[in-house]
């Protein structure tokens, strides 16, 4: 009976440790992905407002005029 209690305790501790590790691993991965996505989005917006890009778009619009 004593061995069964120890085995159950070990299984419970392994389960708790695994769940805590998965939770913190998920949070770390989520935060990392969020940072990368924000950097990508900022780069996309900076390209949109870049002066050379605006000039290219402006020239392209004027070439479409008949």
PDB file of N, CA and C in Angstrom:
ATOM      1  N   UNK A   1       0.824  -1.200   0.000  1.00  0.00           N
ATOM      2  CA  UNK A   1       0.000   0.000   0.000  1.00  0.00           C
ATOM      3  C   UNK A   1       0.867   1.264   0.000  1.00  0.00           C
ATOM      4  N   UNK A   2       1.979   1.184   0.743  1.00  0.00           N
ATOM      5  CA  UNK A   2       2.879   2.333   0.821  1.00  0.00           C
ATOM      6  C   UNK A   2       3.506   2.616  -0.546  1.00  0.00           C
ATOM      7  N   UNK A   3       3.857   1.578  -1.281  1.00  0.00           N
ATOM      8  CA  UNK A   3       4.451   1.723  -2.600  1.00  0.00           C
ATOM      9  C   UNK A   3       3.460   2.346  -3.578  1.00  0.00           C
ATOM     10  N   UNK A   4       2.198   1.978  -3.468  1.00  0.00           N
ATOM     11  CA  UNK A   4       1.162   2.536  -4.329  1.00  0.00           C
ATOM     12  C   UNK A   4       0.997   4.034  -4.086  1.00  0.00           C
ATOM     13  N   UNK A   5       1.094   4.456  -2.818  1.00  0.00           N
ATOM     14  CA  UNK A   5       0.994   5.888  -2.491  1.00  0.00           C
ATOM     15  C   UNK A   5       2.175   6.657  -3.079  1.00  0.00           C
ATOM     16  N   UNK A   6       3.376   6.080  -2.968  1.00  0.00           N
ATOM     17  CA  UNK A   6       4.553   6.739  -3.529  1.00  0.00           C
ATOM     18  C   UNK A   6       4.456   6.830  -5.051  1.00  0.00           C
ATOM     19  N   UNK A   7       3.994   5.776  -5.677  1.00  0.00           N
ATOM     20  CA  UNK A   7       3.850   5.783  -7.127  1.00  0.00           C
ATOM     21  C   UNK A   7       2.823   6.830  -7.549  1.00  0.00           C
ATOM     22  N   UNK A   8       1.699   6.901  -6.828  1.00  0.00           N
ATOM     23  CA  UNK A   8       0.673   7.890  -7.145  1.00  0.00           C
ATOM     24  C   UNK A   8       1.212   9.305  -6.936  1.00  0.00           C
ATOM     25  N   UNK A   9       1.992   9.505  -5.883  1.00  0.00           N
ATOM     26  CA  UNK A   9       2.580  10.809  -5.609  1.00  0.00           C
ATOM     27  C   UNK A   9       3.559  11.206  -6.709  1.00  0.00           C
ATOM     28  N   UNK A  10       4.380  10.269  -7.149  1.00  0.00           N
ATOM     29  CA  UNK A  10       5.340  10.547  -8.215  1.00  0.00           C
ATOM     30  C   UNK A  10       4.611  10.878  -9.512  1.00  0.00           C
ATOM     31  N   UNK A  11       3.562  10.121  -9.842  1.00  0.00           N
ATOM     32  CA  UNK A  11       2.794  10.383 -11.055  1.00  0.00           C
ATOM     33  C   UNK A  11       2.124  11.756 -10.968  1.00  0.00           C
ATOM     34  N   UNK A  12       1.589  12.099  -9.809  1.00  0.00           N
ATOM     35  CA  UNK A  12       0.952  13.397  -9.616  1.00  0.00           C
ATOM     36  C   UNK A  12       1.963  14.536  -9.776  1.00  0.00           C
ATOM     37  N   UNK A  13       3.131  14.384  -9.180  1.00  0.00           N
ATOM     38  CA  UNK A  13       4.167  15.416  -9.301  1.00  0.00           C
ATOM     39  C   UNK A  13       4.645  15.560 -10.752  1.00  0.00           C
ATOM     40  N   UNK A  14       4.806  14.454 -11.450  1.00  0.00           N
ATOM     41  CA  UNK A  14       5.187  14.524 -12.861  1.00  0.00           C
ATOM     42  C   UNK A  14       4.107  15.211 -13.688  1.00  0.00           C
ATOM     43  N   UNK A  15       2.862  14.917 -13.409  1.00  0.00           N
ATOM     44  CA  UNK A  15       1.756  15.539 -14.133  1.00  0.00           C
ATOM     45  C   UNK A  15       1.720  17.042 -13.886  1.00  0.00           C
ATOM     46  N   UNK A  16       1.857  17.441 -12.634  1.00  0.00           N
ATOM     47  CA  UNK A  16       1.835  18.875 -12.296  1.00  0.00           C
ATOM     48  C   UNK A  16       3.014  19.590 -12.947  1.00  0.00           C
ATOM     49  N   UNK A  17       4.195  18.986 -12.866  1.00  0.00           N
ATOM     50  CA  UNK A  17       5.385  19.588 -13.474  1.00  0.00           C
ATOM     51  C   UNK A  17       5.215  19.732 -14.984  1.00  0.00           C
ATOM     52  N   UNK A  18       4.651  18.710 -15.607  1.00  0.00           N
ATOM     53  CA  UNK A  18       4.424  18.768 -17.047  1.00  0.00           C
ATOM     54  C   UNK A  18       3.436  19.867 -17.411  1.00  0.00           C
ATOM     55  N   UNK A  19       2.359  19.985 -16.662  1.00  0.00           N
ATOM     56  CA  UNK A  19       1.357  21.009 -16.956  1.00  0.00           C
ATOM     57  C   UNK A  19       1.923  22.419 -16.766  1.00  0.00           C
ATOM     58  N   UNK A  20       2.684  22.610 -15.706  1.00  0.00           N
ATOM     59  CA  UNK A  20       3.295  23.925 -15.471  1.00  0.00           C
ATOM     60  C   UNK A  20       4.286  24.242 -16.591  1.00  0.00           C
ATOM     61  N   UNK A  21       5.103  23.260 -16.984  1.00  0.00           N
ATOM     62  CA  UNK A  21       6.055  23.469 -18.070  1.00  0.00           C
ATOM     63  C   UNK A  21       5.373  23.791 -19.388  1.00  0.00           C
ATOM     64  N   UNK A  22       4.283  23.083 -19.677  1.00  0.00           N
ATOM     65  CA  UNK A  22       3.541  23.359 -20.909  1.00  0.00           C
ATOM     66  C   UNK A  22       2.928  24.744 -20.887  1.00  0.00           C
ATOM     67  N   UNK A  23       2.392  25.141 -19.748  1.00  0.00           N
ATOM     68  CA  UNK A  23       1.769  26.466 -19.641  1.00  0.00           C
ATOM     69  C   UNK A  23       2.796  27.571 -19.858  1.00  0.00           C
ATOM     70  N   UNK A  24       3.933  27.490 -19.159  1.00  0.00           N
ATOM     71  CA  UNK A  24       4.942  28.532 -19.303  1.00  0.00           C
ATOM     72  C   UNK A  24       5.603  28.485 -20.676  1.00  0.00           C
ATOM     73  N   UNK A  25       5.772  27.303 -21.238  1.00  0.00           N
ATOM     74  CA  UNK A  25       6.310  27.193 -22.588  1.00  0.00           C
ATOM     75  C   UNK A  25       5.380  27.817 -23.607  1.00  0.00           C
ATOM     76  N   UNK A  26       4.081  27.591 -23.440  1.00  0.00           N
ATOM     77  CA  UNK A  26       3.093  28.194 -24.334  1.00  0.00           C
ATOM     78  C   UNK A  26       3.133  29.709 -24.224  1.00  0.00           C
ATOM     79  N   UNK A  27       3.182  30.239 -23.002  1.00  0.00           N
ATOM     80  CA  UNK A  27       3.214  31.688 -22.810  1.00  0.00           C
ATOM     81  C   UNK A  27       4.469  32.294 -23.437  1.00  0.00           C
ATOM     82  N   UNK A  28       5.630  31.632 -23.231  1.00  0.00           N
ATOM     83  CA  UNK A  28       6.865  32.148 -23.814  1.00  0.00           C
ATOM     84  C   UNK A  28       6.787  32.147 -25.330  1.00  0.00           C
ATOM     85  N   UNK A  29       6.290  31.071 -25.906  1.00  0.00           N
ATOM     86  CA  UNK A  29       6.154  30.992 -27.356  1.00  0.00           C
ATOM     87  C   UNK A  29       5.176  32.014 -27.899  1.00  0.00           C
ATOM     88  N   UNK A  30       4.072  32.208 -27.185  1.00  0.00           N
ATOM     89  CA  UNK A  30       3.068  33.184 -27.612  1.00  0.00           C
ATOM     90  C   UNK A  30       3.656  34.588 -27.583  1.00  0.00           C
ATOM     91  N   UNK A  31       4.347  34.931 -26.509  1.00  0.00           N
ATOM     92  CA  UNK A  31       4.946  36.268 -26.400  1.00  0.00           C
ATOM     93  C   UNK A  31       6.018  36.477 -27.472  1.00  0.00           C
ATOM     94  N   UNK A  32       6.803  35.449 -27.739  1.00  0.00           N
ATOM     95  CA  UNK A  32       7.838  35.554 -28.763  1.00  0.00           C
ATOM     96  C   UNK A  32       7.204  35.777 -30.139  1.00  0.00           C
ATOM     97  N   UNK A  33       6.179  35.020 -30.444  1.00  0.00           N
ATOM     98  CA  UNK A  33       5.490  35.173 -31.721  1.00  0.00           C
ATOM     99  C   UNK A  33       4.841  36.539 -31.861  1.00  0.00           C
ATOM    100  N   UNK A  34       4.300  37.036 -30.752  1.00  0.00           N
ATOM    101  CA  UNK A  34       3.674  38.360 -30.774  1.00  0.00           C
ATOM    102  C   UNK A  34       4.701  39.448 -31.069  1.00  0.00           C
ATOM    103  N   UNK A  35       5.886  39.332 -30.477  1.00  0.00           N
ATOM    104  CA  UNK A  35       6.937  40.323 -30.724  1.00  0.00           C
ATOM    105  C   UNK A  35       7.381  40.297 -32.179  1.00  0.00           C
ATOM    106  N   UNK A  36       7.550  39.088 -32.719  1.00  0.00           N
ATOM    107  CA  UNK A  36       7.976  38.975 -34.117  1.00  0.00           C
ATOM    108  C   UNK A  36       6.908  39.557 -35.040  1.00  0.00           C
ATOM    109  N   UNK A  37       5.649  39.259 -34.760  1.00  0.00           N
ATOM    110  CA  UNK A  37       4.569  39.773 -35.592  1.00  0.00           C
ATOM    111  C   UNK A  37       4.503  41.288 -35.524  1.00  0.00           C
ATOM    112  N   UNK A  38       4.676  41.851 -34.338  1.00  0.00           N
ATOM    113  CA  UNK A  38       4.656  43.305 -34.203  1.00  0.00           C
ATOM    114  C   UNK A  38       5.805  43.939 -34.979  1.00  0.00           C
ATOM    115  N   UNK A  39       6.987  43.322 -34.927  1.00  0.00           N
ATOM    116  CA  UNK A  39       8.124  43.860 -35.682  1.00  0.00           C
ATOM    117  C   UNK A  39       7.836  43.811 -37.173  1.00  0.00           C
ATOM    118  N   UNK A  40       7.249  42.694 -37.632  1.00  0.00           N
ATOM    119  CA  UNK A  40       6.926  42.570 -39.053  1.00  0.00           C
ATOM    120  C   UNK A  40       5.912  43.634 -39.452  1.00  0.00           C
ATOM    121  N   UNK A  41       4.900  43.843 -38.618  1.00  0.00           N
ATOM    122  CA  UNK A  41       3.862  44.813 -38.936  1.00  0.00           C
ATOM    123  C   UNK A  41       4.437  46.226 -38.981  1.00  0.00           C
ATOM    124  N   UNK A  42       5.315  46.544 -38.045  1.00  0.00           N
ATOM    125  CA  UNK A  42       5.948  47.872 -38.043  1.00  0.00           C
ATOM    126  C   UNK A  42       6.786  48.050 -39.299  1.00  0.00           C
ATOM    127  N   UNK A  43       7.512  47.009 -39.710  1.00  0.00           N
ATOM    128  CA  UNK A  43       8.296  47.089 -40.945  1.00  0.00           C
ATOM    129  C   UNK A  43       7.391  47.315 -42.141  1.00  0.00           C
ATOM    130  N   UNK A  44       6.256  46.642 -42.183  1.00  0.00           N
ATOM    131  CA  UNK A  44       5.328  46.822 -43.297  1.00  0.00           C
ATOM    132  C   UNK A  44       4.787  48.251 -43.334  1.00  0.00           C
ATOM    133  N   UNK A  45       4.452  48.789 -42.173  1.00  0.00           N
ATOM    134  CA  UNK A  45       3.931  50.145 -42.120  1.00  0.00           C
ATOM    135  C   UNK A  45       5.010  51.169 -42.459  1.00  0.00           C
ATOM    136  N   UNK A  46       6.245  50.914 -42.029  1.00  0.00           N
ATOM    137  CA  UNK A  46       7.314  51.864 -42.351  1.00  0.00           C
ATOM    138  C   UNK A  46       7.598  51.850 -43.846  1.00  0.00           C
ATOM    139  N   UNK A  47       7.462  50.685 -44.491  1.00  0.00           N
ATOM    140  CA  UNK A  47       7.628  50.620 -45.939  1.00  0.00           C
ATOM    141  C   UNK A  47       6.518  51.399 -46.631  1.00  0.00           C
ATOM    142  N   UNK A  48       5.310  51.304 -46.073  1.00  0.00           N
ATOM    143  CA  UNK A  48       4.170  52.004 -46.660  1.00  0.00           C
ATOM    144  C   UNK A  48       4.377  53.516 -46.624  1.00  0.00           C
ATOM    145  N   UNK A  49       4.952  54.016 -45.539  1.00  0.00           N
ATOM    146  CA  UNK A  49       5.137  55.461 -45.384  1.00  0.00           C
ATOM    147  C   UNK A  49       6.525  55.935 -45.804  1.00  0.00           C
ATOM    148  N   UNK A  50       7.319  55.060 -46.369  1.00  0.00           N
ATOM    149  CA  UNK A  50       8.650  55.439 -46.810  1.00  0.00           C
ATOM    150  C   UNK A  50       8.529  56.429 -47.977  1.00  0.00           C
ATOM    151  N   UNK A  51       9.334  57.469 -47.972  1.00  0.00           N
ATOM    152  CA  UNK A  51       9.226  58.535 -48.972  1.00  0.00           C
ATOM    153  C   UNK A  51       9.462  58.004 -50.387  1.00  0.00           C
ATOM    154  N   UNK A  52      10.429  57.131 -50.554  1.00  0.00           N
ATOM    155  CA  UNK A  52      10.703  56.617 -51.898  1.00  0.00           C
ATOM    156  C   UNK A  52       9.537  55.780 -52.408  1.00  0.00           C
ATOM    157  N   UNK A  53       8.910  55.027 -51.518  1.00  0.00           N
ATOM    158  CA  UNK A  53       7.756  54.230 -51.929  1.00  0.00           C
ATOM    159  C   UNK A  53       6.590  55.139 -52.323  1.00  0.00           C
ATOM    160  N   UNK A  54       6.398  56.221 -51.574  1.00  0.00           N
ATOM    161  CA  UNK A  54       5.321  57.159 -51.914  1.00  0.00           C
ATOM    162  C   UNK A  54       5.574  57.829 -53.263  1.00  0.00           C
ATOM    163  N   UNK A  55       6.829  58.161 -53.528  1.00  0.00           N
ATOM    164  CA  UNK A  55       7.152  58.763 -54.819  1.00  0.00           C
ATOM    165  C   UNK A  55       6.901  57.784 -55.960  1.00  0.00           C
ATOM    166  N   UNK A  56       7.265  56.518 -55.775  1.00  0.00           N
ATOM    167  CA  UNK A  56       7.020  55.506 -56.809  1.00  0.00           C
ATOM    168  C   UNK A  56       5.531  55.364 -57.083  1.00  0.00           C
ATOM    169  N   UNK A  57       4.732  55.334 -56.021  1.00  0.00           N
ATOM    170  CA  UNK A  57       3.285  55.206 -56.187  1.00  0.00           C
ATOM    171  C   UNK A  57       2.708  56.438 -56.871  1.00  0.00           C
ATOM    172  N   UNK A  58       3.217  57.612 -56.513  1.00  0.00           N
ATOM    173  CA  UNK A  58       2.741  58.836 -57.120  1.00  0.00           C
ATOM    174  C   UNK A  58       3.053  58.854 -58.607  1.00  0.00           C
ATOM    175  N   UNK A  59       4.271  58.472 -58.989  1.00  0.00           N
ATOM    176  CA  UNK A  59       4.637  58.422 -60.397  1.00  0.00           C
ATOM    177  C   UNK A  59       3.794  57.409 -61.159  1.00  0.00           C
ATOM    178  N   UNK A  60       3.527  56.290 -60.534  1.00  0.00           N
ATOM    179  CA  UNK A  60       2.715  55.260 -61.191  1.00  0.00           C
ATOM    180  C   UNK A  60       1.284  55.765 -61.425  1.00  0.00           C
ATOM    181  N   UNK A  61       0.758  56.542 -60.518  1.00  0.00           N
ATOM    182  CA  UNK A  61      -0.596  57.092 -60.692  1.00  0.00           C
ATOM    183  C   UNK A  61      -0.617  58.094 -61.851  1.00  0.00           C
ATOM    184  N   UNK A  62       0.436  58.920 -61.959  1.00  0.00           N
ATOM    185  CA  UNK A  62       0.477  59.908 -63.026  1.00  0.00           C
ATOM    186  C   UNK A  62       0.647  59.245 -64.397  1.00  0.00           C
ATOM    187  N   UNK A  63       1.297  58.109 -64.441  1.00  0.00           N
ATOM    188  CA  UNK A  63       1.466  57.417 -65.713  1.00  0.00           C
ATOM    189  C   UNK A  63       0.156  56.784 -66.176  1.00  0.00           C
ATOM    190  N   UNK A  64      -0.765  56.532 -65.253  1.00  0.00           N
ATOM    191  CA  UNK A  64      -2.040  55.934 -65.623  1.00  0.00           C
ATOM    192  C   UNK A  64      -3.025  56.948 -66.202  1.00  0.00           C
ATOM    193  N   UNK A  65      -2.737  58.233 -66.056  1.00  0.00           N
ATOM    194  CA  UNK A  65      -3.641  59.272 -66.538  1.00  0.00           C
ATOM    195  C   UNK A  65      -3.513  59.406 -68.048  1.00  0.00           C
ATOM    196  N   UNK A  66      -4.636  59.465 -68.719  1.00  0.00           N
ATOM    197  CA  UNK A  66      -4.621  59.608 -70.188  1.00  0.00           C
ATOM    198  C   UNK A  66      -4.789  61.062 -70.560  1.00  0.00           C
TER     199      UNK A  66
END
